[in-house]
Structure formats: C-alpha cells, structure tokens
C-alpha cells in the first residue's frame, strides 16, 4: 500500500505518492490554473502521473491506494458540504470533495492546508515525540491546525485551529479596530500576522512599499523602520501563540510558510509569548517545519494513514 496527497495552493498544485514510511515514490507540481474545472483536470492529471511512476517502482501486490488526500484553503461546511472560508474565493460554494471524487473515480478526504501541515509534522516531522502539536502557517495568510496524540482535531464544524480569523489578542489602542479582512471582519490575526500583514504594517508606518523579503533584509541591516516593523510582528505573533497556549497548551508549535524560514523569529518569539500566558511558567517548543513547503502534500497523503 502507498498514499497519494494533493497540496492545492493558490499558485501551484502539487501531488506526491509516499510509501507507508514516508519515502517519496513520485512528486509532481503544476501551476494552479485559477479556474475551477481546469483545476479539477490538473489534479486528475497529477494523480495519474504520480500513480504511474509509483507503480513502476513497486511490485503489483503493493499497488493498493486507500484514497486520495487533498489539502486546500478553507474548510467544508458540515451543513451543505461545500467549501467556505477559502481565500481562493472561486472555491467557495463549490462541492469540491464530491467533484474531485467524480473526477478521480476514487474516494477523497479533504482537509484544510494548515491541518495537513500539522498532521505531517506530528507524524514524521519536527513534532515527532510530542503529545500535542499546534501548527501555524505564516505565509500570505495565517492558518493553524492541531494534532493531539497523533489525531487531527478538526472540530464539530471543521473550524478547529482557525487562528487567522480570531481577533488579534490583547490589542493595543492603535491596533483597534484593525484593518479590514477579506473575510468581512476587521482586525483578524491574518491581517497582522502574515507576510501580507507585515508588508502592510511597514507601509502604514514608513510610507514605503517593500516586499516581506526586503523588510527582513533591511531589518538584518538594522534599518530602524524595518526593525520596528519586525518588533511589532513578533509582539503580535507572541500574543497569538499565547492565546493558543491558554486554550490548548500544546507541547510544541511548528511553523510553516515563508516567514517560518526567518531564524530571528525563533530567537525572539518565546519572550513575546510568556507575558500573556496564564501561568507562572511556560517552555513550549517553537520549531520550523522539518518538511518545509512539502508538509502540505505529505499531510494530505497522511489523511489516509
């Protein structure tokens, strides 16, 4: 038996076939066409491609695949079965799981991309050996997932871990009401704690427009405006992490997304968390994802493990 996962990203779609111990048999990616029917066909082609390569490496008695796992932005409504809350807004209102099942002719499990990050890293990544692992994506947006005792926690309504769309915790006066979010609310964590949020905040305070990467570079060169922007980012991320600690108290946090590759984050984050934790002591692990941007596709495959 082997496993196939799909990471459905905003700009690319990736497929991978993995053995039971997590070894890659095949891995392919294509640009996301940004259109629903074309995306279904892209997924069908990717699955066929990785399956063909995987089977060429395995004896026929190991060709069994239990189903296809899909990690995608948003979540499935338990009421209607359609996708909601996706920042790939053209997925919203579509019965993605059912349409994928028809397109692939296979059973499908669909979960949020941050859930897949959490499952991947808890299974054989940076979170191995911890009883509970919270994952946080720090990319264009901000998402989260939670695994306890190797079980993905999705919640009664598929909303567990959606930290990007809670209000920024412990806001200062100048952080209220906060910027408008694409979800229709204001001041969501995602509008502050994300690559987009960092760039917006830097522009608001400096009057300059820089990419997230250039802000980090300028911060390392001790440019005062970039240093101050990164300080604010760490403070907001620290308050967000503290709120998750106060709610679930996970043993470890694993970070994915582009900003998870910034080493200074791990050097400075713990002191920004501790003042907001409802305890006299907190020493949770703060770790970059072992599998980087591959965690999504691996976690999607592991939905069937």
C-alpha atoms as a PDB file:
ATOM      1  CA  UNK A   1       0.000   0.000   0.000  1.00  0.00           C
ATOM      2  CA  UNK A   2       1.070   3.566  -0.636  1.00  0.00           C
ATOM      3  CA  UNK A   3      -0.513   7.012  -0.219  1.00  0.00           C
ATOM      4  CA  UNK A   4      -1.251   9.912  -2.570  1.00  0.00           C
ATOM      5  CA  UNK A   5      -1.667  13.504  -1.436  1.00  0.00           C
ATOM      6  CA  UNK A   6      -2.521  16.770  -3.194  1.00  0.00           C
ATOM      7  CA  UNK A   7      -1.483  20.194  -1.904  1.00  0.00           C
ATOM      8  CA  UNK A   8      -3.869  22.677  -3.502  1.00  0.00           C
ATOM      9  CA  UNK A   9      -2.117  26.030  -3.248  1.00  0.00           C
ATOM     10  CA  UNK A  10      -3.025  29.438  -4.563  1.00  0.00           C
ATOM     11  CA  UNK A  11      -0.279  29.421  -7.205  1.00  0.00           C
ATOM     12  CA  UNK A  12       0.604  25.746  -7.591  1.00  0.00           C
ATOM     13  CA  UNK A  13      -0.902  22.300  -7.188  1.00  0.00           C
ATOM     14  CA  UNK A  14       1.411  19.527  -6.039  1.00  0.00           C
ATOM     15  CA  UNK A  15       0.900  15.766  -5.932  1.00  0.00           C
ATOM     16  CA  UNK A  16       3.045  13.154  -4.215  1.00  0.00           C
ATOM     17  CA  UNK A  17       2.994   9.403  -3.733  1.00  0.00           C
ATOM     18  CA  UNK A  18       4.532   8.151  -0.477  1.00  0.00           C
ATOM     19  CA  UNK A  19       5.329   4.766   0.986  1.00  0.00           C
ATOM     20  CA  UNK A  20       3.972   3.832   4.418  1.00  0.00           C
ATOM     21  CA  UNK A  21       7.222   5.075   5.999  1.00  0.00           C
ATOM     22  CA  UNK A  22       7.053   8.448   4.225  1.00  0.00           C
ATOM     23  CA  UNK A  23       9.539   7.846   1.393  1.00  0.00           C
ATOM     24  CA  UNK A  24       8.709   9.645  -1.844  1.00  0.00           C
ATOM     25  CA  UNK A  25       7.841   7.420  -4.785  1.00  0.00           C
ATOM     26  CA  UNK A  26       6.866  10.344  -7.003  1.00  0.00           C
ATOM     27  CA  UNK A  27       6.328  14.074  -6.751  1.00  0.00           C
ATOM     28  CA  UNK A  28       4.906  16.469  -9.371  1.00  0.00           C
ATOM     29  CA  UNK A  29       3.629  20.044  -9.401  1.00  0.00           C
ATOM     30  CA  UNK A  30       1.882  22.326 -11.869  1.00  0.00           C
ATOM     31  CA  UNK A  31       0.704  25.920 -11.856  1.00  0.00           C
ATOM     32  CA  UNK A  32      -2.773  26.324 -10.428  1.00  0.00           C
ATOM     33  CA  UNK A  33      -4.888  27.481 -13.392  1.00  0.00           C
ATOM     34  CA  UNK A  34      -7.099  29.567 -11.115  1.00  0.00           C
ATOM     35  CA  UNK A  35     -10.313  28.233 -12.648  1.00  0.00           C
ATOM     36  CA  UNK A  36     -12.469  25.511 -11.141  1.00  0.00           C
ATOM     37  CA  UNK A  37     -12.947  22.995 -13.964  1.00  0.00           C
ATOM     38  CA  UNK A  38      -9.363  23.418 -15.150  1.00  0.00           C
ATOM     39  CA  UNK A  39      -8.109  22.828 -11.586  1.00  0.00           C
ATOM     40  CA  UNK A  40     -10.067  19.561 -11.357  1.00  0.00           C
ATOM     41  CA  UNK A  41      -8.444  18.396 -14.596  1.00  0.00           C
ATOM     42  CA  UNK A  42      -4.986  19.436 -13.376  1.00  0.00           C
ATOM     43  CA  UNK A  43      -5.472  17.368 -10.226  1.00  0.00           C
ATOM     44  CA  UNK A  44      -6.649  14.372 -12.269  1.00  0.00           C
ATOM     45  CA  UNK A  45      -3.540  14.565 -14.456  1.00  0.00           C
ATOM     46  CA  UNK A  46      -1.199  14.953 -11.487  1.00  0.00           C
ATOM     47  CA  UNK A  47      -2.686  11.958  -9.686  1.00  0.00           C
ATOM     48  CA  UNK A  48      -2.380   9.826 -12.817  1.00  0.00           C
ATOM     49  CA  UNK A  49       1.243  10.907 -13.256  1.00  0.00           C
ATOM     50  CA  UNK A  50       2.447  10.178  -9.715  1.00  0.00           C
ATOM     51  CA  UNK A  51       0.495   6.926  -9.613  1.00  0.00           C
ATOM     52  CA  UNK A  52       2.103   5.712 -12.825  1.00  0.00           C
ATOM     53  CA  UNK A  53       5.594   6.468 -11.529  1.00  0.00           C
ATOM     54  CA  UNK A  54       4.896   4.959  -8.106  1.00  0.00           C
ATOM     55  CA  UNK A  55       3.602   1.716  -9.558  1.00  0.00           C
ATOM     56  CA  UNK A  56       6.664   1.406 -11.775  1.00  0.00           C
ATOM     57  CA  UNK A  57       8.733   1.129  -8.571  1.00  0.00           C
ATOM     58  CA  UNK A  58       6.532  -1.302  -6.628  1.00  0.00           C
ATOM     59  CA  UNK A  59       5.531  -4.944  -7.034  1.00  0.00           C
ATOM     60  CA  UNK A  60       1.950  -5.419  -8.191  1.00  0.00           C
ATOM     61  CA  UNK A  61       0.818  -6.669  -4.779  1.00  0.00           C
ATOM     62  CA  UNK A  62       1.657  -3.222  -3.315  1.00  0.00           C
ATOM     63  CA  UNK A  63      -0.343  -1.149  -5.817  1.00  0.00           C
ATOM     64  CA  UNK A  64      -3.200  -0.520  -3.381  1.00  0.00           C
ATOM     65  CA  UNK A  65      -4.090   3.131  -2.608  1.00  0.00           C
ATOM     66  CA  UNK A  66      -6.811   3.661   0.027  1.00  0.00           C
ATOM     67  CA  UNK A  67      -7.882   7.018  -1.423  1.00  0.00           C
ATOM     68  CA  UNK A  68      -6.657  10.488  -2.345  1.00  0.00           C
ATOM     69  CA  UNK A  69      -5.957  13.129   0.312  1.00  0.00           C
ATOM     70  CA  UNK A  70      -6.411  16.805  -0.525  1.00  0.00           C
ATOM     71  CA  UNK A  71      -5.181  19.784   1.467  1.00  0.00           C
ATOM     72  CA  UNK A  72      -6.781  23.083   0.409  1.00  0.00           C
ATOM     73  CA  UNK A  73      -7.507  26.537   1.828  1.00  0.00           C
ATOM     74  CA  UNK A  74     -10.818  26.899   3.612  1.00  0.00           C
ATOM     75  CA  UNK A  75     -12.975  24.131   5.026  1.00  0.00           C
ATOM     76  CA  UNK A  76     -16.050  22.101   4.150  1.00  0.00           C
ATOM     77  CA  UNK A  77     -19.370  23.161   5.634  1.00  0.00           C
ATOM     78  CA  UNK A  78     -20.909  20.302   7.632  1.00  0.00           C
ATOM     79  CA  UNK A  79     -24.315  21.755   6.740  1.00  0.00           C
ATOM     80  CA  UNK A  80     -24.035  21.996   2.952  1.00  0.00           C
ATOM     81  CA  UNK A  81     -20.878  20.047   2.049  1.00  0.00           C
ATOM     82  CA  UNK A  82     -19.471  22.956   0.057  1.00  0.00           C
ATOM     83  CA  UNK A  83     -16.214  24.829   0.610  1.00  0.00           C
ATOM     84  CA  UNK A  84     -16.391  28.008   2.683  1.00  0.00           C
ATOM     85  CA  UNK A  85     -13.827  30.450   4.108  1.00  0.00           C
ATOM     86  CA  UNK A  86     -11.258  29.851   1.344  1.00  0.00           C
ATOM     87  CA  UNK A  87      -9.039  32.748   0.307  1.00  0.00           C
ATOM     88  CA  UNK A  88      -9.091  31.088  -3.121  1.00  0.00           C
ATOM     89  CA  UNK A  89     -12.561  32.561  -3.311  1.00  0.00           C
ATOM     90  CA  UNK A  90     -13.532  30.728  -6.514  1.00  0.00           C
ATOM     91  CA  UNK A  91     -13.617  27.506  -4.445  1.00  0.00           C
ATOM     92  CA  UNK A  92     -16.232  28.897  -2.075  1.00  0.00           C
ATOM     93  CA  UNK A  93     -19.697  27.492  -2.629  1.00  0.00           C
ATOM     94  CA  UNK A  94     -18.379  24.547  -4.678  1.00  0.00           C
ATOM     95  CA  UNK A  95     -18.773  20.888  -3.706  1.00  0.00           C
ATOM     96  CA  UNK A  96     -15.049  20.345  -4.153  1.00  0.00           C
ATOM     97  CA  UNK A  97     -14.853  16.958  -2.458  1.00  0.00           C
ATOM     98  CA  UNK A  98     -17.725  15.476  -4.461  1.00  0.00           C
ATOM     99  CA  UNK A  99     -16.430  16.912  -7.726  1.00  0.00           C
ATOM    100  CA  UNK A 100     -12.942  15.562  -7.033  1.00  0.00           C
ATOM    101  CA  UNK A 101     -14.381  12.145  -6.229  1.00  0.00           C
ATOM    102  CA  UNK A 102     -16.130  12.142  -9.611  1.00  0.00           C
ATOM    103  CA  UNK A 103     -13.102  13.468 -11.499  1.00  0.00           C
ATOM    104  CA  UNK A 104     -10.726  10.938  -9.941  1.00  0.00           C
ATOM    105  CA  UNK A 105     -13.097   7.997  -9.606  1.00  0.00           C
ATOM    106  CA  UNK A 106     -11.636   7.500  -6.125  1.00  0.00           C
ATOM    107  CA  UNK A 107     -12.539   8.118  -2.513  1.00  0.00           C
ATOM    108  CA  UNK A 108     -11.311  11.533  -1.351  1.00  0.00           C
ATOM    109  CA  UNK A 109     -10.531  13.058   2.039  1.00  0.00           C
ATOM    110  CA  UNK A 110     -10.371  16.852   2.073  1.00  0.00           C
ATOM    111  CA  UNK A 111      -8.903  18.967   4.866  1.00  0.00           C
ATOM    112  CA  UNK A 112      -7.582  22.452   5.449  1.00  0.00           C
ATOM    113  CA  UNK A 113      -3.994  23.064   4.321  1.00  0.00           C
ATOM    114  CA  UNK A 114      -2.894  24.089   7.826  1.00  0.00           C
ATOM    115  CA  UNK A 115      -4.375  20.869   9.208  1.00  0.00           C
ATOM    116  CA  UNK A 116      -2.244  18.969   6.716  1.00  0.00           C
ATOM    117  CA  UNK A 117       0.857  20.842   7.895  1.00  0.00           C
ATOM    118  CA  UNK A 118       0.050  19.867  11.491  1.00  0.00           C
ATOM    119  CA  UNK A 119      -0.572  16.222  10.604  1.00  0.00           C
ATOM    120  CA  UNK A 120       2.598  15.928   8.530  1.00  0.00           C
ATOM    121  CA  UNK A 121       4.864  17.473  11.139  1.00  0.00           C
ATOM    122  CA  UNK A 122       3.314  15.492  14.017  1.00  0.00           C
ATOM    123  CA  UNK A 123       3.616  12.228  12.066  1.00  0.00           C
ATOM    124  CA  UNK A 124       7.232  12.307  10.913  1.00  0.00           C
ATOM    125  CA  UNK A 125       8.416  15.896  11.109  1.00  0.00           C
ATOM    126  CA  UNK A 126       9.504  18.417  13.718  1.00  0.00           C
ATOM    127  CA  UNK A 127       6.650  17.447  16.042  1.00  0.00           C
ATOM    128  CA  UNK A 128       7.567  13.782  16.429  1.00  0.00           C
ATOM    129  CA  UNK A 129       7.701  12.759  20.086  1.00  0.00           C
ATOM    130  CA  UNK A 130       5.353  15.482  21.320  1.00  0.00           C
ATOM    131  CA  UNK A 131       1.925  14.558  22.664  1.00  0.00           C
ATOM    132  CA  UNK A 132       0.269  17.633  21.147  1.00  0.00           C
ATOM    133  CA  UNK A 133       1.379  19.783  18.224  1.00  0.00           C
ATOM    134  CA  UNK A 134      -0.075  23.072  17.006  1.00  0.00           C
ATOM    135  CA  UNK A 135       0.900  24.212  13.525  1.00  0.00           C
ATOM    136  CA  UNK A 136       0.852  27.819  12.351  1.00  0.00           C
ATOM    137  CA  UNK A 137       1.254  28.894   8.730  1.00  0.00           C
ATOM    138  CA  UNK A 138       2.948  32.284   8.324  1.00  0.00           C
ATOM    139  CA  UNK A 139       2.608  32.935   4.613  1.00  0.00           C
ATOM    140  CA  UNK A 140       0.456  35.207   2.511  1.00  0.00           C
ATOM    141  CA  UNK A 141      -2.183  34.495   5.157  1.00  0.00           C
ATOM    142  CA  UNK A 142      -2.195  32.838   8.569  1.00  0.00           C
ATOM    143  CA  UNK A 143      -3.731  29.483   9.418  1.00  0.00           C
ATOM    144  CA  UNK A 144      -3.451  26.840  12.087  1.00  0.00           C
ATOM    145  CA  UNK A 145      -4.023  23.198  12.887  1.00  0.00           C
ATOM    146  CA  UNK A 146      -3.892  20.947  15.935  1.00  0.00           C
ATOM    147  CA  UNK A 147      -2.890  17.307  16.409  1.00  0.00           C
ATOM    148  CA  UNK A 148      -3.297  15.565  19.775  1.00  0.00           C
ATOM    149  CA  UNK A 149      -1.960  12.037  20.308  1.00  0.00           C
ATOM    150  CA  UNK A 150      -1.478  11.680  16.535  1.00  0.00           C
ATOM    151  CA  UNK A 151      -5.127  12.573  15.851  1.00  0.00           C
ATOM    152  CA  UNK A 152      -6.009  15.594  13.747  1.00  0.00           C
ATOM    153  CA  UNK A 153      -8.534  17.773  15.588  1.00  0.00           C
ATOM    154  CA  UNK A 154     -10.929  19.304  13.060  1.00  0.00           C
ATOM    155  CA  UNK A 155     -13.766  20.243  15.405  1.00  0.00           C
ATOM    156  CA  UNK A 156     -17.517  19.771  15.259  1.00  0.00           C
ATOM    157  CA  UNK A 157     -17.850  22.245  12.387  1.00  0.00           C
ATOM    158  CA  UNK A 158     -14.443  21.870  10.731  1.00  0.00           C
ATOM    159  CA  UNK A 159     -13.174  25.116  12.252  1.00  0.00           C
ATOM    160  CA  UNK A 160     -10.616  23.969  14.836  1.00  0.00           C
ATOM    161  CA  UNK A 161      -7.345  25.834  14.584  1.00  0.00           C
ATOM    162  CA  UNK A 162      -8.624  28.784  12.510  1.00  0.00           C
ATOM    163  CA  UNK A 163      -6.439  31.259  14.366  1.00  0.00           C
ATOM    164  CA  UNK A 164      -6.135  33.553  11.350  1.00  0.00           C
ATOM    165  CA  UNK A 165      -9.714  34.685  11.850  1.00  0.00           C
ATOM    166  CA  UNK A 166      -9.880  35.399  15.528  1.00  0.00           C
ATOM    167  CA  UNK A 167      -9.365  38.985  16.607  1.00  0.00           C
ATOM    168  CA  UNK A 168      -5.787  39.993  17.379  1.00  0.00           C
ATOM    169  CA  UNK A 169      -5.325  39.102  21.077  1.00  0.00           C
ATOM    170  CA  UNK A 170      -4.561  41.761  23.697  1.00  0.00           C
ATOM    171  CA  UNK A 171      -4.714  44.606  21.148  1.00  0.00           C
ATOM    172  CA  UNK A 172      -3.149  47.977  21.846  1.00  0.00           C
ATOM    173  CA  UNK A 173      -5.132  51.161  21.316  1.00  0.00           C
ATOM    174  CA  UNK A 174      -3.677  51.758  17.853  1.00  0.00           C
ATOM    175  CA  UNK A 175      -4.496  48.183  16.798  1.00  0.00           C
ATOM    176  CA  UNK A 176      -8.257  48.683  17.229  1.00  0.00           C
ATOM    177  CA  UNK A 177     -10.418  48.177  15.212  1.00  0.00           C
ATOM    178  CA  UNK A 178      -7.702  46.914  12.898  1.00  0.00           C
ATOM    179  CA  UNK A 179      -7.549  46.638   9.115  1.00  0.00           C
ATOM    180  CA  UNK A 180     -10.407  45.095   7.130  1.00  0.00           C
ATOM    181  CA  UNK A 181     -10.020  41.391   6.365  1.00  0.00           C
ATOM    182  CA  UNK A 182     -11.190  39.623   3.217  1.00  0.00           C
ATOM    183  CA  UNK A 183     -13.493  37.523   5.440  1.00  0.00           C
ATOM    184  CA  UNK A 184     -15.624  40.605   6.189  1.00  0.00           C
ATOM    185  CA  UNK A 185     -14.364  41.277   9.729  1.00  0.00           C
ATOM    186  CA  UNK A 186     -11.736  43.743  10.947  1.00  0.00           C
ATOM    187  CA  UNK A 187      -8.544  43.152  12.898  1.00  0.00           C
ATOM    188  CA  UNK A 188      -8.251  39.410  12.243  1.00  0.00           C
ATOM    189  CA  UNK A 189      -4.912  37.874  13.195  1.00  0.00           C
ATOM    190  CA  UNK A 190      -4.276  37.222   9.482  1.00  0.00           C
ATOM    191  CA  UNK A 191      -4.301  40.963   8.739  1.00  0.00           C
ATOM    192  CA  UNK A 192      -1.384  41.414  11.166  1.00  0.00           C
ATOM    193  CA  UNK A 193       0.453  38.089  11.457  1.00  0.00           C
ATOM    194  CA  UNK A 194       1.290  37.154   7.870  1.00  0.00           C
ATOM    195  CA  UNK A 195       3.634  38.214   5.118  1.00  0.00           C
ATOM    196  CA  UNK A 196       0.894  40.451   3.764  1.00  0.00           C
ATOM    197  CA  UNK A 197       0.276  41.867   7.227  1.00  0.00           C
ATOM    198  CA  UNK A 198       3.942  42.628   7.824  1.00  0.00           C
ATOM    199  CA  UNK A 199       4.226  44.455   4.477  1.00  0.00           C
ATOM    200  CA  UNK A 200       1.011  46.423   5.111  1.00  0.00           C
ATOM    201  CA  UNK A 201       2.094  47.438   8.617  1.00  0.00           C
ATOM    202  CA  UNK A 202       5.543  48.528   7.379  1.00  0.00           C
ATOM    203  CA  UNK A 203       3.935  50.662   4.666  1.00  0.00           C
ATOM    204  CA  UNK A 204       1.477  52.223   7.130  1.00  0.00           C
ATOM    205  CA  UNK A 205       4.285  53.333   9.477  1.00  0.00           C
ATOM    206  CA  UNK A 206       7.037  54.200   6.992  1.00  0.00           C
ATOM    207  CA  UNK A 207       5.160  55.341   3.893  1.00  0.00           C
ATOM    208  CA  UNK A 208       7.362  52.952   1.900  1.00  0.00           C
ATOM    209  CA  UNK A 209       6.327  49.854  -0.019  1.00  0.00           C
ATOM    210  CA  UNK A 210       8.668  46.885   0.384  1.00  0.00           C
ATOM    211  CA  UNK A 211       8.189  43.161  -0.057  1.00  0.00           C
ATOM    212  CA  UNK A 212       8.241  40.994   3.024  1.00  0.00           C
ATOM    213  CA  UNK A 213      11.638  39.626   1.958  1.00  0.00           C
ATOM    214  CA  UNK A 214      13.088  43.123   1.622  1.00  0.00           C
ATOM    215  CA  UNK A 215      11.735  44.133   5.028  1.00  0.00           C
ATOM    216  CA  UNK A 216      13.536  41.165   6.621  1.00  0.00           C
ATOM    217  CA  UNK A 217      16.725  42.052   4.748  1.00  0.00           C
ATOM    218  CA  UNK A 218      16.530  45.670   5.892  1.00  0.00           C
ATOM    219  CA  UNK A 219      15.806  44.529   9.451  1.00  0.00           C
ATOM    220  CA  UNK A 220      19.027  42.470   9.391  1.00  0.00           C
ATOM    221  CA  UNK A 221      20.878  45.600   8.246  1.00  0.00           C
ATOM    222  CA  UNK A 222      19.409  47.385  11.278  1.00  0.00           C
ATOM    223  CA  UNK A 223      17.234  49.759   9.318  1.00  0.00           C
ATOM    224  CA  UNK A 224      15.146  51.388  12.069  1.00  0.00           C
ATOM    225  CA  UNK A 225      11.786  51.258  10.259  1.00  0.00           C
ATOM    226  CA  UNK A 226      12.208  47.564   9.430  1.00  0.00           C
ATOM    227  CA  UNK A 227      13.446  46.755  12.949  1.00  0.00           C
ATOM    228  CA  UNK A 228      10.362  48.412  14.431  1.00  0.00           C
ATOM    229  CA  UNK A 229       8.056  46.586  11.997  1.00  0.00           C
ATOM    230  CA  UNK A 230       9.592  43.238  12.890  1.00  0.00           C
ATOM    231  CA  UNK A 231       9.306  44.063  16.598  1.00  0.00           C
ATOM    232  CA  UNK A 232       5.588  44.707  16.133  1.00  0.00           C
ATOM    233  CA  UNK A 233       5.222  41.481  14.145  1.00  0.00           C
ATOM    234  CA  UNK A 234       6.904  39.430  16.893  1.00  0.00           C
ATOM    235  CA  UNK A 235       4.695  41.044  19.528  1.00  0.00           C
ATOM    236  CA  UNK A 236       1.529  40.185  17.598  1.00  0.00           C
ATOM    237  CA  UNK A 237       2.650  36.649  16.855  1.00  0.00           C
ATOM    238  CA  UNK A 238       3.616  36.196  20.520  1.00  0.00           C
ATOM    239  CA  UNK A 239       0.165  37.264  21.670  1.00  0.00           C
ATOM    240  CA  UNK A 240      -1.439  34.905  19.144  1.00  0.00           C
ATOM    241  CA  UNK A 241       0.679  31.961  20.283  1.00  0.00           C
ATOM    242  CA  UNK A 242      -0.113  32.796  23.922  1.00  0.00           C
ATOM    243  CA  UNK A 243      -3.835  32.641  23.180  1.00  0.00           C
ATOM    244  CA  UNK A 244      -3.416  29.152  21.710  1.00  0.00           C
ATOM    245  CA  UNK A 245      -1.415  28.172  24.798  1.00  0.00           C
ATOM    246  CA  UNK A 246      -4.160  29.467  27.072  1.00  0.00           C
ATOM    247  CA  UNK A 247      -6.742  27.472  25.112  1.00  0.00           C
ATOM    248  CA  UNK A 248      -4.976  24.164  24.322  1.00  0.00           C
ATOM    249  CA  UNK A 249      -1.482  24.355  25.894  1.00  0.00           C
ATOM    250  CA  UNK A 250       0.184  22.255  23.171  1.00  0.00           C
ATOM    251  CA  UNK A 251       3.609  20.774  23.825  1.00  0.00           C
ATOM    252  CA  UNK A 252       5.034  22.186  20.595  1.00  0.00           C
ATOM    253  CA  UNK A 253       4.348  24.765  17.903  1.00  0.00           C
ATOM    254  CA  UNK A 254       5.545  24.049  14.368  1.00  0.00           C
ATOM    255  CA  UNK A 255       5.676  26.907  11.860  1.00  0.00           C
ATOM    256  CA  UNK A 256       5.305  26.751   8.095  1.00  0.00           C
ATOM    257  CA  UNK A 257       5.015  29.318   5.310  1.00  0.00           C
ATOM    258  CA  UNK A 258       7.608  31.779   4.040  1.00  0.00           C
ATOM    259  CA  UNK A 259       8.149  33.619   7.330  1.00  0.00           C
ATOM    260  CA  UNK A 260       8.857  30.339   9.120  1.00  0.00           C
ATOM    261  CA  UNK A 261      12.254  30.439   7.376  1.00  0.00           C
ATOM    262  CA  UNK A 262      13.322  33.566   9.313  1.00  0.00           C
ATOM    263  CA  UNK A 263      15.676  32.357  12.111  1.00  0.00           C
ATOM    264  CA  UNK A 264      15.232  35.545  14.129  1.00  0.00           C
ATOM    265  CA  UNK A 265      11.623  34.543  14.729  1.00  0.00           C
ATOM    266  CA  UNK A 266      12.664  31.576  16.894  1.00  0.00           C
ATOM    267  CA  UNK A 267      15.286  33.596  18.764  1.00  0.00           C
ATOM    268  CA  UNK A 268      12.791  36.244  19.848  1.00  0.00           C
ATOM    269  CA  UNK A 269       9.353  34.673  19.998  1.00  0.00           C
ATOM    270  CA  UNK A 270       9.328  32.945  23.414  1.00  0.00           C
ATOM    271  CA  UNK A 271       9.816  36.186  25.424  1.00  0.00           C
ATOM    272  CA  UNK A 272       6.904  37.687  23.469  1.00  0.00           C
ATOM    273  CA  UNK A 273       4.669  34.765  24.436  1.00  0.00           C
ATOM    274  CA  UNK A 274       5.354  34.414  28.174  1.00  0.00           C
ATOM    275  CA  UNK A 275       3.817  37.696  29.450  1.00  0.00           C
ATOM    276  CA  UNK A 276       0.414  36.657  28.064  1.00  0.00           C
ATOM    277  CA  UNK A 277       0.372  33.019  29.201  1.00  0.00           C
ATOM    278  CA  UNK A 278      -1.872  32.346  32.205  1.00  0.00           C
ATOM    279  CA  UNK A 279       0.839  30.517  34.114  1.00  0.00           C
ATOM    280  CA  UNK A 280       3.934  31.137  36.163  1.00  0.00           C
ATOM    281  CA  UNK A 281       5.977  29.051  33.705  1.00  0.00           C
ATOM    282  CA  UNK A 282       5.829  28.214  30.019  1.00  0.00           C
ATOM    283  CA  UNK A 283       8.506  26.461  27.999  1.00  0.00           C
ATOM    284  CA  UNK A 284       6.773  25.119  24.887  1.00  0.00           C
ATOM    285  CA  UNK A 285       8.847  24.161  21.842  1.00  0.00           C
ATOM    286  CA  UNK A 286       8.858  26.603  18.899  1.00  0.00           C
ATOM    287  CA  UNK A 287      10.081  24.832  15.767  1.00  0.00           C
ATOM    288  CA  UNK A 288      10.322  25.328  12.000  1.00  0.00           C
ATOM    289  CA  UNK A 289       8.620  22.650   9.937  1.00  0.00           C
ATOM    290  CA  UNK A 290      11.008  19.836   9.067  1.00  0.00           C
ATOM    291  CA  UNK A 291       9.442  19.310   5.652  1.00  0.00           C
ATOM    292  CA  UNK A 292       9.050  22.976   4.716  1.00  0.00           C
ATOM    293  CA  UNK A 293       6.620  23.556   1.860  1.00  0.00           C
ATOM    294  CA  UNK A 294       6.370  19.778   1.356  1.00  0.00           C
ATOM    295  CA  UNK A 295       4.452  19.389   4.620  1.00  0.00           C
ATOM    296  CA  UNK A 296       1.154  20.195   2.907  1.00  0.00           C
ATOM    297  CA  UNK A 297       1.316  17.400   0.362  1.00  0.00           C
ATOM    298  CA  UNK A 298       2.668  14.909   2.903  1.00  0.00           C
ATOM    299  CA  UNK A 299      -0.057  15.744   5.409  1.00  0.00           C
ATOM    300  CA  UNK A 300      -2.706  15.385   2.693  1.00  0.00           C
ATOM    301  CA  UNK A 301      -1.452  11.866   1.940  1.00  0.00           C
ATOM    302  CA  UNK A 302      -1.419  11.067   5.658  1.00  0.00           C
ATOM    303  CA  UNK A 303      -5.159  11.805   5.921  1.00  0.00           C
ATOM    304  CA  UNK A 304      -5.487   8.143   4.883  1.00  0.00           C
ATOM    305  CA  UNK A 305      -2.963   6.693   7.346  1.00  0.00           C
END
